Amino acid sequence: SGYWNPAGLMRLEQKELSLMHSSYFANIAQYNYAAFAMPIDDQS
């Protein structure tokens, strides 16, 4: 949600980790992504 819509982070209940890899244009370009998110308290 940090990428798509940060408001969605409020639905997190635990710490989460995300990893992604993809190749584009017949493997010429490499796309890598990593994210971490966590609830701070009941309101943030």
PDB file of all heavy atoms in Angstrom:
ATOM      1  N   SER A   1       0.823  -1.211   0.000  1.00  0.00           N
ATOM      2  CA  SER A   1       0.000   0.000   0.000  1.00  0.00           C
ATOM      3  C   SER A   1       0.855   1.258   0.000  1.00  0.00           C
ATOM      4  O   SER A   1       0.419   2.312  -0.456  1.00  0.00           O
ATOM      5  CB  SER A   1      -0.932   0.011   1.212  1.00  0.00           C
ATOM      6  OG  SER A   1      -1.823  -1.070   1.176  1.00  0.00           O
ATOM      7  N   GLY A   2       2.074   1.161   0.518  1.00  0.00           N
ATOM      8  CA  GLY A   2       2.950   2.319   0.476  1.00  0.00           C
ATOM      9  C   GLY A   2       3.145   2.827  -0.934  1.00  0.00           C
ATOM     10  O   GLY A   2       3.309   4.029  -1.152  1.00  0.00           O
ATOM     11  N   TYR A   3       3.106   1.914  -1.908  1.00  0.00           N
ATOM     12  CA  TYR A   3       3.208   2.307  -3.314  1.00  0.00           C
ATOM     13  C   TYR A   3       1.841   2.677  -3.892  1.00  0.00           C
ATOM     14  O   TYR A   3       1.684   3.730  -4.505  1.00  0.00           O
ATOM     15  CB  TYR A   3       3.831   1.175  -4.137  1.00  0.00           C
ATOM     16  CG  TYR A   3       3.882   1.485  -5.620  1.00  0.00           C
ATOM     17  CD1 TYR A   3       4.994   2.091  -6.172  1.00  0.00           C
ATOM     18  CD2 TYR A   3       2.810   1.185  -6.461  1.00  0.00           C
ATOM     19  CE1 TYR A   3       5.045   2.396  -7.520  1.00  0.00           C
ATOM     20  CE2 TYR A   3       2.851   1.479  -7.810  1.00  0.00           C
ATOM     21  CZ  TYR A   3       3.968   2.082  -8.331  1.00  0.00           C
ATOM     22  OH  TYR A   3       4.004   2.396  -9.674  1.00  0.00           O
ATOM     23  N   TRP A   4       0.844   1.818  -3.711  1.00  0.00           N
ATOM     24  CA  TRP A   4      -0.432   1.996  -4.401  1.00  0.00           C
ATOM     25  C   TRP A   4      -1.320   3.058  -3.765  1.00  0.00           C
ATOM     26  O   TRP A   4      -1.964   3.829  -4.458  1.00  0.00           O
ATOM     27  CB  TRP A   4      -1.188   0.663  -4.455  1.00  0.00           C
ATOM     28  CG  TRP A   4      -0.501  -0.343  -5.309  1.00  0.00           C
ATOM     29  CD1 TRP A   4       0.114  -1.489  -4.917  1.00  0.00           C
ATOM     30  CD2 TRP A   4      -0.317  -0.271  -6.720  1.00  0.00           C
ATOM     31  NE1 TRP A   4       0.664  -2.137  -5.982  1.00  0.00           N
ATOM     32  CE2 TRP A   4       0.408  -1.412  -7.109  1.00  0.00           C
ATOM     33  CE3 TRP A   4      -0.711   0.642  -7.703  1.00  0.00           C
ATOM     34  CZ2 TRP A   4       0.754  -1.663  -8.433  1.00  0.00           C
ATOM     35  CZ3 TRP A   4      -0.362   0.401  -9.027  1.00  0.00           C
ATOM     36  CH2 TRP A   4       0.359  -0.736  -9.379  1.00  0.00           C
ATOM     37  N   ASN A   5      -1.377   3.078  -2.451  1.00  0.00           N
ATOM     38  CA  ASN A   5      -2.172   4.063  -1.727  1.00  0.00           C
ATOM     39  C   ASN A   5      -1.796   3.965  -0.255  1.00  0.00           C
ATOM     40  O   ASN A   5      -2.223   3.025   0.419  1.00  0.00           O
ATOM     41  CB  ASN A   5      -3.674   3.817  -1.919  1.00  0.00           C
ATOM     42  CG  ASN A   5      -4.529   4.921  -1.331  1.00  0.00           C
ATOM     43  OD1 ASN A   5      -4.081   5.698  -0.491  1.00  0.00           O
ATOM     44  ND2 ASN A   5      -5.784   5.003  -1.762  1.00  0.00           N
ATOM     45  N   PRO A   6      -0.986   4.890   0.262  1.00  0.00           N
ATOM     46  CA  PRO A   6      -0.502   4.758   1.642  1.00  0.00           C
ATOM     47  C   PRO A   6      -1.607   4.662   2.685  1.00  0.00           C
ATOM     48  O   PRO A   6      -1.374   4.154   3.782  1.00  0.00           O
ATOM     49  CB  PRO A   6       0.355   6.017   1.836  1.00  0.00           C
ATOM     50  CG  PRO A   6      -0.092   6.965   0.775  1.00  0.00           C
ATOM     51  CD  PRO A   6      -0.503   6.122  -0.378  1.00  0.00           C
ATOM     52  N   ALA A   7      -2.813   5.121   2.347  1.00  0.00           N
ATOM     53  CA  ALA A   7      -3.923   4.996   3.296  1.00  0.00           C
ATOM     54  C   ALA A   7      -4.202   3.540   3.645  1.00  0.00           C
ATOM     55  O   ALA A   7      -4.669   3.223   4.744  1.00  0.00           O
ATOM     56  CB  ALA A   7      -5.171   5.647   2.722  1.00  0.00           C
ATOM     57  N   GLY A   8      -3.910   2.627   2.711  1.00  0.00           N
ATOM     58  CA  GLY A   8      -4.151   1.204   2.943  1.00  0.00           C
ATOM     59  C   GLY A   8      -3.262   0.594   4.002  1.00  0.00           C
ATOM     60  O   GLY A   8      -3.547  -0.509   4.499  1.00  0.00           O
ATOM     61  N   LEU A   9      -2.186   1.272   4.379  1.00  0.00           N
ATOM     62  CA  LEU A   9      -1.306   0.757   5.432  1.00  0.00           C
ATOM     63  C   LEU A   9      -2.016   0.653   6.774  1.00  0.00           C
ATOM     64  O   LEU A   9      -1.588  -0.099   7.656  1.00  0.00           O
ATOM     65  CB  LEU A   9      -0.073   1.653   5.569  1.00  0.00           C
ATOM     66  CG  LEU A   9       0.912   1.654   4.396  1.00  0.00           C
ATOM     67  CD1 LEU A   9       1.998   2.694   4.622  1.00  0.00           C
ATOM     68  CD2 LEU A   9       1.532   0.271   4.201  1.00  0.00           C
ATOM     69  N   MET A  10      -3.105   1.403   6.946  1.00  0.00           N
ATOM     70  CA  MET A  10      -3.839   1.348   8.208  1.00  0.00           C
ATOM     71  C   MET A  10      -4.535   0.008   8.424  1.00  0.00           C
ATOM     72  O   MET A  10      -4.990  -0.292   9.521  1.00  0.00           O
ATOM     73  CB  MET A  10      -4.866   2.478   8.273  1.00  0.00           C
ATOM     74  CG  MET A  10      -4.307   3.809   8.739  1.00  0.00           C
ATOM     75  SD  MET A  10      -3.381   3.698  10.288  1.00  0.00           S
ATOM     76  CE  MET A  10      -4.578   2.971  11.387  1.00  0.00           C
ATOM     77  N   ARG A  11      -4.616  -0.823   7.406  1.00  0.00           N
ATOM     78  CA  ARG A  11      -5.246  -2.133   7.565  1.00  0.00           C
ATOM     79  C   ARG A  11      -4.250  -3.194   8.009  1.00  0.00           C
ATOM     80  O   ARG A  11      -4.629  -4.349   8.231  1.00  0.00           O
ATOM     81  CB  ARG A  11      -5.905  -2.558   6.253  1.00  0.00           C
ATOM     82  CG  ARG A  11      -6.938  -1.557   5.740  1.00  0.00           C
ATOM     83  CD  ARG A  11      -7.754  -2.169   4.633  1.00  0.00           C
ATOM     84  NE  ARG A  11      -8.442  -1.157   3.836  1.00  0.00           N
ATOM     85  CZ  ARG A  11      -9.212  -1.436   2.797  1.00  0.00           C
ATOM     86  NH1 ARG A  11      -9.377  -2.685   2.425  1.00  0.00           N
ATOM     87  NH2 ARG A  11      -9.806  -0.468   2.119  1.00  0.00           N
ATOM     88  N   LEU A  12      -2.979  -2.832   8.112  1.00  0.00           N
ATOM     89  CA  LEU A  12      -1.978  -3.783   8.575  1.00  0.00           C
ATOM     90  C   LEU A  12      -2.226  -4.175  10.032  1.00  0.00           C
ATOM     91  O   LEU A  12      -2.558  -3.329  10.855  1.00  0.00           O
ATOM     92  CB  LEU A  12      -0.576  -3.188   8.458  1.00  0.00           C
ATOM     93  CG  LEU A  12       0.047  -3.065   7.065  1.00  0.00           C
ATOM     94  CD1 LEU A  12       1.369  -2.329   7.160  1.00  0.00           C
ATOM     95  CD2 LEU A  12       0.258  -4.442   6.458  1.00  0.00           C
ATOM     96  N   GLU A  13      -2.025  -5.443  10.315  1.00  0.00           N
ATOM     97  CA  GLU A  13      -2.126  -5.921  11.693  1.00  0.00           C
ATOM     98  C   GLU A  13      -0.767  -6.324  12.247  1.00  0.00           C
ATOM     99  O   GLU A  13      -0.572  -6.353  13.466  1.00  0.00           O
ATOM    100  CB  GLU A  13      -3.082  -7.111  11.759  1.00  0.00           C
ATOM    101  CG  GLU A  13      -4.515  -6.745  11.374  1.00  0.00           C
ATOM    102  CD  GLU A  13      -5.447  -7.930  11.470  1.00  0.00           C
ATOM    103  OE1 GLU A  13      -4.950  -9.050  11.791  1.00  0.00           O
ATOM    104  OE2 GLU A  13      -6.658  -7.770  11.228  1.00  0.00           O
ATOM    105  N   GLN A  14       0.181  -6.639  11.367  1.00  0.00           N
ATOM    106  CA  GLN A  14       1.514  -7.067  11.775  1.00  0.00           C
ATOM    107  C   GLN A  14       2.554  -6.441  10.851  1.00  0.00           C
ATOM    108  O   GLN A  14       2.216  -5.829   9.838  1.00  0.00           O
ATOM    109  CB  GLN A  14       1.630  -8.603  11.710  1.00  0.00           C
ATOM    110  CG  GLN A  14       0.617  -9.361  12.542  1.00  0.00           C
ATOM    111  CD  GLN A  14       0.877  -9.234  14.033  1.00  0.00           C
ATOM    112  OE1 GLN A  14       1.967  -8.881  14.468  1.00  0.00           O
ATOM    113  NE2 GLN A  14      -0.150  -9.547  14.841  1.00  0.00           N
ATOM    114  N   LYS A  15       3.806  -6.643  11.196  1.00  0.00           N
ATOM    115  CA  LYS A  15       4.897  -6.227  10.304  1.00  0.00           C
ATOM    116  C   LYS A  15       4.894  -7.104   9.060  1.00  0.00           C
ATOM    117  O   LYS A  15       4.704  -8.315   9.144  1.00  0.00           O
ATOM    118  CB  LYS A  15       6.244  -6.356  11.025  1.00  0.00           C
ATOM    119  CG  LYS A  15       6.394  -5.468  12.249  1.00  0.00           C
ATOM    120  CD  LYS A  15       7.711  -5.726  12.932  1.00  0.00           C
ATOM    121  CE  LYS A  15       7.858  -4.872  14.189  1.00  0.00           C
ATOM    122  NZ  LYS A  15       9.133  -5.154  14.909  1.00  0.00           N
ATOM    123  N   GLU A  16       5.112  -6.462   7.895  1.00  0.00           N
ATOM    124  CA  GLU A  16       5.116  -7.210   6.647  1.00  0.00           C
ATOM    125  C   GLU A  16       6.307  -6.811   5.787  1.00  0.00           C
ATOM    126  O   GLU A  16       6.786  -5.671   5.833  1.00  0.00           O
ATOM    127  CB  GLU A  16       3.816  -6.974   5.858  1.00  0.00           C
ATOM    128  CG  GLU A  16       2.591  -7.587   6.488  1.00  0.00           C
ATOM    129  CD  GLU A  16       1.365  -7.497   5.593  1.00  0.00           C
ATOM    130  OE1 GLU A  16       1.518  -7.154   4.398  1.00  0.00           O
ATOM    131  OE2 GLU A  16       0.252  -7.763   6.084  1.00  0.00           O
ATOM    132  N   LEU A  17       6.754  -7.770   4.988  1.00  0.00           N
ATOM    133  CA  LEU A  17       7.866  -7.567   4.058  1.00  0.00           C
ATOM    134  C   LEU A  17       7.432  -8.021   2.679  1.00  0.00           C
ATOM    135  O   LEU A  17       6.728  -9.035   2.537  1.00  0.00           O
ATOM    136  CB  LEU A  17       9.084  -8.375   4.513  1.00  0.00           C
ATOM    137  CG  LEU A  17      10.310  -8.384   3.589  1.00  0.00           C
ATOM    138  CD1 LEU A  17      10.975  -7.005   3.575  1.00  0.00           C
ATOM    139  CD2 LEU A  17      11.312  -9.448   4.046  1.00  0.00           C
ATOM    140  N   SER A  18       7.859  -7.288   1.636  1.00  0.00           N
ATOM    141  CA  SER A  18       7.521  -7.652   0.261  1.00  0.00           C
ATOM    142  C   SER A  18       8.767  -7.558  -0.618  1.00  0.00           C
ATOM    143  O   SER A  18       9.557  -6.610  -0.488  1.00  0.00           O
ATOM    144  CB  SER A  18       6.429  -6.735  -0.290  1.00  0.00           C
ATOM    145  OG  SER A  18       6.113  -7.084  -1.631  1.00  0.00           O
ATOM    146  N   LEU A  19       8.918  -8.529  -1.506  1.00  0.00           N
ATOM    147  CA  LEU A  19      10.030  -8.549  -2.466  1.00  0.00           C
ATOM    148  C   LEU A  19       9.483  -8.874  -3.844  1.00  0.00           C
ATOM    149  O   LEU A  19       8.573  -9.699  -3.986  1.00  0.00           O
ATOM    150  CB  LEU A  19      11.065  -9.604  -2.072  1.00  0.00           C
ATOM    151  CG  LEU A  19      11.718  -9.466  -0.694  1.00  0.00           C
ATOM    152  CD1 LEU A  19      12.557 -10.699  -0.379  1.00  0.00           C
ATOM    153  CD2 LEU A  19      12.581  -8.211  -0.622  1.00  0.00           C
ATOM    154  N   MET A  20      10.029  -8.231  -4.878  1.00  0.00           N
ATOM    155  CA  MET A  20       9.574  -8.482  -6.242  1.00  0.00           C
ATOM    156  C   MET A  20      10.729  -8.371  -7.214  1.00  0.00           C
ATOM    157  O   MET A  20      11.626  -7.532  -7.041  1.00  0.00           O
ATOM    158  CB  MET A  20       8.488  -7.491  -6.652  1.00  0.00           C
ATOM    159  CG  MET A  20       7.826  -7.818  -7.993  1.00  0.00           C
ATOM    160  SD  MET A  20       6.827  -6.450  -8.655  1.00  0.00           S
ATOM    161  CE  MET A  20       8.091  -5.503  -9.511  1.00  0.00           C
ATOM    162  N   HIS A  21      10.720  -9.219  -8.238  1.00  0.00           N
ATOM    163  CA  HIS A  21      11.686  -9.119  -9.333  1.00  0.00           C
ATOM    164  C   HIS A  21      10.968  -9.361 -10.650  1.00  0.00           C
ATOM    165  O   HIS A  21      10.098 -10.229 -10.746  1.00  0.00           O
ATOM    166  CB  HIS A  21      12.808 -10.140  -9.187  1.00  0.00           C
ATOM    167  CG  HIS A  21      13.694 -10.197 -10.402  1.00  0.00           C
ATOM    168  ND1 HIS A  21      14.627  -9.220 -10.679  1.00  0.00           N
ATOM    169  CD2 HIS A  21      13.740 -11.070 -11.438  1.00  0.00           C
ATOM    170  CE1 HIS A  21      15.240  -9.507 -11.807  1.00  0.00           C
ATOM    171  NE2 HIS A  21      14.716 -10.618 -12.286  1.00  0.00           N
ATOM    172  N   SER A  22      11.351  -8.597 -11.648  1.00  0.00           N
ATOM    173  CA  SER A  22      10.837  -8.810 -12.995  1.00  0.00           C
ATOM    174  C   SER A  22      11.843  -8.304 -14.007  1.00  0.00           C
ATOM    175  O   SER A  22      12.704  -7.480 -13.690  1.00  0.00           O
ATOM    176  CB  SER A  22       9.483  -8.110 -13.193  1.00  0.00           C
ATOM    177  OG  SER A  22       9.627  -6.713 -13.003  1.00  0.00           O
ATOM    178  N   SER A  23      11.737  -8.829 -15.224  1.00  0.00           N
ATOM    179  CA  SER A  23      12.581  -8.389 -16.336  1.00  0.00           C
ATOM    180  C   SER A  23      11.685  -7.878 -17.449  1.00  0.00           C
ATOM    181  O   SER A  23      10.618  -8.449 -17.715  1.00  0.00           O
ATOM    182  CB  SER A  23      13.448  -9.548 -16.852  1.00  0.00           C
ATOM    183  OG  SER A  23      14.300 -10.026 -15.840  1.00  0.00           O
ATOM    184  N   TYR A  24      12.130  -6.811 -18.103  1.00  0.00           N
ATOM    185  CA  TYR A  24      11.337  -6.211 -19.178  1.00  0.00           C
ATOM    186  C   TYR A  24      12.173  -6.085 -20.450  1.00  0.00           C
ATOM    187  O   TYR A  24      13.407  -6.077 -20.411  1.00  0.00           O
ATOM    188  CB  TYR A  24      10.822  -4.837 -18.755  1.00  0.00           C
ATOM    189  CG  TYR A  24       9.810  -4.895 -17.629  1.00  0.00           C
ATOM    190  CD1 TYR A  24      10.156  -4.545 -16.323  1.00  0.00           C
ATOM    191  CD2 TYR A  24       8.503  -5.327 -17.865  1.00  0.00           C
ATOM    192  CE1 TYR A  24       9.227  -4.612 -15.297  1.00  0.00           C
ATOM    193  CE2 TYR A  24       7.570  -5.401 -16.841  1.00  0.00           C
ATOM    194  CZ  TYR A  24       7.942  -5.044 -15.561  1.00  0.00           C
ATOM    195  OH  TYR A  24       7.023  -5.119 -14.543  1.00  0.00           O
ATOM    196  N   PHE A  25      11.468  -5.978 -21.579  1.00  0.00           N
ATOM    197  CA  PHE A  25      12.103  -5.783 -22.882  1.00  0.00           C
ATOM    198  C   PHE A  25      13.109  -6.904 -23.168  1.00  0.00           C
ATOM    199  O   PHE A  25      14.292  -6.661 -23.396  1.00  0.00           O
ATOM    200  CB  PHE A  25      12.773  -4.412 -22.970  1.00  0.00           C
ATOM    201  CG  PHE A  25      11.886  -3.277 -22.547  1.00  0.00           C
ATOM    202  CD1 PHE A  25      12.175  -2.519 -21.433  1.00  0.00           C
ATOM    203  CD2 PHE A  25      10.736  -2.984 -23.267  1.00  0.00           C
ATOM    204  CE1 PHE A  25      11.350  -1.483 -21.043  1.00  0.00           C
ATOM    205  CE2 PHE A  25       9.897  -1.957 -22.884  1.00  0.00           C
ATOM    206  CZ  PHE A  25      10.204  -1.204 -21.769  1.00  0.00           C
ATOM    207  N   ALA A  26      12.601  -8.149 -23.153  1.00  0.00           N
ATOM    208  CA  ALA A  26      13.412  -9.329 -23.459  1.00  0.00           C
ATOM    209  C   ALA A  26      14.630  -9.422 -22.551  1.00  0.00           C
ATOM    210  O   ALA A  26      15.753  -9.686 -22.996  1.00  0.00           O
ATOM    211  CB  ALA A  26      13.827  -9.323 -24.926  1.00  0.00           C
ATOM    212  N   ASN A  27      14.412  -9.181 -21.261  1.00  0.00           N
ATOM    213  CA  ASN A  27      15.449  -9.286 -20.228  1.00  0.00           C
ATOM    214  C   ASN A  27      16.528  -8.217 -20.317  1.00  0.00           C
ATOM    215  O   ASN A  27      17.577  -8.335 -19.669  1.00  0.00           O
ATOM    216  CB  ASN A  27      16.109 -10.674 -20.253  1.00  0.00           C
ATOM    217  CG  ASN A  27      15.157 -11.774 -19.848  1.00  0.00           C
ATOM    218  OD1 ASN A  27      14.313 -11.600 -18.982  1.00  0.00           O
ATOM    219  ND2 ASN A  27      15.279 -12.920 -20.497  1.00  0.00           N
ATOM    220  N   ILE A  28      16.287  -7.159 -21.063  1.00  0.00           N
ATOM    221  CA  ILE A  28      17.261  -6.077 -21.145  1.00  0.00           C
ATOM    222  C   ILE A  28      17.233  -5.254 -19.858  1.00  0.00           C
ATOM    223  O   ILE A  28      18.281  -4.872 -19.331  1.00  0.00           O
ATOM    224  CB  ILE A  28      16.976  -5.182 -22.369  1.00  0.00           C
ATOM    225  CG1 ILE A  28      17.224  -5.969 -23.653  1.00  0.00           C
ATOM    226  CG2 ILE A  28      17.849  -3.928 -22.344  1.00  0.00           C
ATOM    227  CD1 ILE A  28      16.861  -5.205 -24.910  1.00  0.00           C
ATOM    228  N   ALA A  29      16.049  -4.979 -19.347  1.00  0.00           N
ATOM    229  CA  ALA A  29      15.895  -4.146 -18.155  1.00  0.00           C
ATOM    230  C   ALA A  29      15.482  -5.003 -16.967  1.00  0.00           C
ATOM    231  O   ALA A  29      14.637  -5.898 -17.098  1.00  0.00           O
ATOM    232  CB  ALA A  29      14.861  -3.057 -18.404  1.00  0.00           C
ATOM    233  N   GLN A  30      16.067  -4.703 -15.811  1.00  0.00           N
ATOM    234  CA  GLN A  30      15.775  -5.442 -14.589  1.00  0.00           C
ATOM    235  C   GLN A  30      15.062  -4.513 -13.594  1.00  0.00           C
ATOM    236  O   GLN A  30      15.494  -3.379 -13.384  1.00  0.00           O
ATOM    237  CB  GLN A  30      17.059  -5.977 -13.957  1.00  0.00           C
ATOM    238  CG  GLN A  30      17.898  -6.826 -14.906  1.00  0.00           C
ATOM    239  CD  GLN A  30      17.158  -8.049 -15.405  1.00  0.00           C
ATOM    240  OE1 GLN A  30      16.517  -8.758 -14.627  1.00  0.00           O
ATOM    241  NE2 GLN A  30      17.249  -8.317 -16.710  1.00  0.00           N
ATOM    242  N   TYR A  31      13.995  -5.035 -12.992  1.00  0.00           N
ATOM    243  CA  TYR A  31      13.189  -4.254 -12.053  1.00  0.00           C
ATOM    244  C   TYR A  31      13.155  -4.999 -10.723  1.00  0.00           C
ATOM    245  O   TYR A  31      12.694  -6.150 -10.659  1.00  0.00           O
ATOM    246  CB  TYR A  31      11.776  -4.079 -12.614  1.00  0.00           C
ATOM    247  CG  TYR A  31      10.890  -3.100 -11.877  1.00  0.00           C
ATOM    248  CD1 TYR A  31      10.689  -1.823 -12.376  1.00  0.00           C
ATOM    249  CD2 TYR A  31      10.248  -3.463 -10.700  1.00  0.00           C
ATOM    250  CE1 TYR A  31       9.866  -0.927 -11.713  1.00  0.00           C
ATOM    251  CE2 TYR A  31       9.423  -2.576 -10.038  1.00  0.00           C
ATOM    252  CZ  TYR A  31       9.237  -1.311 -10.547  1.00  0.00           C
ATOM    253  OH  TYR A  31       8.415  -0.426  -9.880  1.00  0.00           O
ATOM    254  N   ASN A  32      13.629  -4.355  -9.671  1.00  0.00           N
ATOM    255  CA  ASN A  32      13.639  -4.968  -8.344  1.00  0.00           C
ATOM    256  C   ASN A  32      12.982  -4.031  -7.331  1.00  0.00           C
ATOM    257  O   ASN A  32      13.135  -2.806  -7.426  1.00  0.00           O
ATOM    258  CB  ASN A  32      15.070  -5.271  -7.911  1.00  0.00           C
ATOM    259  CG  ASN A  32      15.711  -6.352  -8.773  1.00  0.00           C
ATOM    260  OD1 ASN A  32      15.355  -7.525  -8.672  1.00  0.00           O
ATOM    261  ND2 ASN A  32      16.644  -5.967  -9.629  1.00  0.00           N
ATOM    262  N   TYR A  33      12.297  -4.639  -6.377  1.00  0.00           N
ATOM    263  CA  TYR A  33      11.513  -3.857  -5.408  1.00  0.00           C
ATOM    264  C   TYR A  33      11.530  -4.567  -4.062  1.00  0.00           C
ATOM    265  O   TYR A  33      11.448  -5.800  -3.979  1.00  0.00           O
ATOM    266  CB  TYR A  33      10.083  -3.721  -5.926  1.00  0.00           C
ATOM    267  CG  TYR A  33       9.033  -3.378  -4.898  1.00  0.00           C
ATOM    268  CD1 TYR A  33       8.847  -2.072  -4.457  1.00  0.00           C
ATOM    269  CD2 TYR A  33       8.191  -4.372  -4.394  1.00  0.00           C
ATOM    270  CE1 TYR A  33       7.862  -1.766  -3.526  1.00  0.00           C
ATOM    271  CE2 TYR A  33       7.202  -4.075  -3.468  1.00  0.00           C
ATOM    272  CZ  TYR A  33       7.045  -2.770  -3.033  1.00  0.00           C
ATOM    273  OH  TYR A  33       6.074  -2.474  -2.118  1.00  0.00           O
ATOM    274  N   ALA A  34      11.656  -3.786  -3.003  1.00  0.00           N
ATOM    275  CA  ALA A  34      11.560  -4.312  -1.641  1.00  0.00           C
ATOM    276  C   ALA A  34      10.809  -3.305  -0.786  1.00  0.00           C
ATOM    277  O   ALA A  34      10.973  -2.087  -0.960  1.00  0.00           O
ATOM    278  CB  ALA A  34      12.948  -4.572  -1.057  1.00  0.00           C
ATOM    279  N   ALA A  35       9.982  -3.794   0.138  1.00  0.00           N
ATOM    280  CA  ALA A  35       9.198  -2.898   0.995  1.00  0.00           C
ATOM    281  C   ALA A  35       9.007  -3.515   2.365  1.00  0.00           C
ATOM    282  O   ALA A  35       8.959  -4.744   2.521  1.00  0.00           O
ATOM    283  CB  ALA A  35       7.841  -2.601   0.363  1.00  0.00           C
ATOM    284  N   PHE A  36       8.878  -2.647   3.343  1.00  0.00           N
ATOM    285  CA  PHE A  36       8.599  -3.054   4.721  1.00  0.00           C
ATOM    286  C   PHE A  36       7.545  -2.102   5.283  1.00  0.00           C
ATOM    287  O   PHE A  36       7.571  -0.896   4.999  1.00  0.00           O
ATOM    288  CB  PHE A  36       9.868  -2.985   5.577  1.00  0.00           C
ATOM    289  CG  PHE A  36       9.603  -3.147   7.045  1.00  0.00           C
ATOM    290  CD1 PHE A  36       9.409  -4.403   7.592  1.00  0.00           C
ATOM    291  CD2 PHE A  36       9.530  -2.033   7.887  1.00  0.00           C
ATOM    292  CE1 PHE A  36       9.153  -4.556   8.949  1.00  0.00           C
ATOM    293  CE2 PHE A  36       9.282  -2.176   9.246  1.00  0.00           C
ATOM    294  CZ  PHE A  36       9.088  -3.446   9.773  1.00  0.00           C
ATOM    295  N   ALA A  37       6.623  -2.640   6.063  1.00  0.00           N
ATOM    296  CA  ALA A  37       5.594  -1.797   6.684  1.00  0.00           C
ATOM    297  C   ALA A  37       5.173  -2.406   8.012  1.00  0.00           C
ATOM    298  O   ALA A  37       5.270  -3.627   8.217  1.00  0.00           O
ATOM    299  CB  ALA A  37       4.388  -1.638   5.765  1.00  0.00           C
ATOM    300  N   MET A  38       4.672  -1.543   8.900  1.00  0.00           N
ATOM    301  CA  MET A  38       4.249  -2.003  10.224  1.00  0.00           C
ATOM    302  C   MET A  38       3.271  -1.010  10.832  1.00  0.00           C
ATOM    303  O   MET A  38       3.327   0.192  10.536  1.00  0.00           O
ATOM    304  CB  MET A  38       5.462  -2.130  11.154  1.00  0.00           C
ATOM    305  CG  MET A  38       6.229  -0.843  11.338  1.00  0.00           C
ATOM    306  SD  MET A  38       7.625  -0.982  12.488  1.00  0.00           S
ATOM    307  CE  MET A  38       6.711  -1.026  14.049  1.00  0.00           C
ATOM    308  N   PRO A  39       2.355  -1.481  11.658  1.00  0.00           N
ATOM    309  CA  PRO A  39       1.508  -0.551  12.414  1.00  0.00           C
ATOM    310  C   PRO A  39       2.324   0.091  13.529  1.00  0.00           C
ATOM    311  O   PRO A  39       3.145  -0.565  14.165  1.00  0.00           O
ATOM    312  CB  PRO A  39       0.397  -1.445  12.962  1.00  0.00           C
ATOM    313  CG  PRO A  39       0.970  -2.819  12.968  1.00  0.00           C
ATOM    314  CD  PRO A  39       1.980  -2.880  11.874  1.00  0.00           C
ATOM    315  N   ILE A  40       2.107   1.385  13.746  1.00  0.00           N
ATOM    316  CA  ILE A  40       2.770   2.080  14.855  1.00  0.00           C
ATOM    317  C   ILE A  40       1.933   1.950  16.122  1.00  0.00           C
ATOM    318  O   ILE A  40       2.424   1.604  17.181  1.00  0.00           O
ATOM    319  CB  ILE A  40       2.992   3.561  14.495  1.00  0.00           C
ATOM    320  CG1 ILE A  40       3.897   3.674  13.264  1.00  0.00           C
ATOM    321  CG2 ILE A  40       3.592   4.310  15.682  1.00  0.00           C
ATOM    322  CD1 ILE A  40       4.057   5.098  12.750  1.00  0.00           C
ATOM    323  N   ASP A  41       0.645   2.225  15.982  1.00  0.00           N
ATOM    324  CA  ASP A  41      -0.318   2.046  17.063  1.00  0.00           C
ATOM    325  C   ASP A  41      -1.685   1.839  16.428  1.00  0.00           C
ATOM    326  O   ASP A  41      -1.776   1.556  15.226  1.00  0.00           O
ATOM    327  CB  ASP A  41      -0.302   3.253  18.019  1.00  0.00           C
ATOM    328  CG  ASP A  41      -0.445   4.590  17.292  1.00  0.00           C
ATOM    329  OD1 ASP A  41      -1.214   4.645  16.303  1.00  0.00           O
ATOM    330  OD2 ASP A  41       0.205   5.568  17.702  1.00  0.00           O
ATOM    331  N   ASP A  42      -2.739   1.988  17.185  1.00  0.00           N
ATOM    332  CA  ASP A  42      -4.085   1.736  16.655  1.00  0.00           C
ATOM    333  C   ASP A  42      -4.524   2.782  15.637  1.00  0.00           C
ATOM    334  O   ASP A  42      -5.503   2.565  14.907  1.00  0.00           O
ATOM    335  CB  ASP A  42      -5.100   1.694  17.795  1.00  0.00           C
ATOM    336  CG  ASP A  42      -4.904   0.487  18.685  1.00  0.00           C
ATOM    337  OD1 ASP A  42      -4.268  -0.487  18.227  1.00  0.00           O
ATOM    338  OD2 ASP A  42      -5.372   0.523  19.841  1.00  0.00           O
ATOM    339  N   GLN A  43      -3.825   3.917  15.561  1.00  0.00           N
ATOM    340  CA  GLN A  43      -4.267   5.001  14.688  1.00  0.00           C
ATOM    341  C   GLN A  43      -3.255   5.403  13.630  1.00  0.00           C
ATOM    342  O   GLN A  43      -3.497   6.345  12.876  1.00  0.00           O
ATOM    343  CB  GLN A  43      -4.616   6.233  15.536  1.00  0.00           C
ATOM    344  CG  GLN A  43      -5.804   6.021  16.457  1.00  0.00           C
ATOM    345  CD  GLN A  43      -6.174   7.284  17.208  1.00  0.00           C
ATOM    346  OE1 GLN A  43      -5.309   8.068  17.599  1.00  0.00           O
ATOM    347  NE2 GLN A  43      -7.468   7.494  17.419  1.00  0.00           N
ATOM    348  N   SER A  44      -2.131   4.701  13.517  1.00  0.00           N
ATOM    349  CA  SER A  44      -1.130   5.099  12.534  1.00  0.00           C
ATOM    350  C   SER A  44      -0.269   3.919  12.112  1.00  0.00           C
ATOM    351  O   SER A  44      -0.127   2.937  12.852  1.00  0.00           O
ATOM    352  CB  SER A  44      -0.247   6.225  13.069  1.00  0.00           C
ATOM    353  OG  SER A  44       0.432   5.811  14.239  1.00  0.00           O
TER     354      SER A  44
END
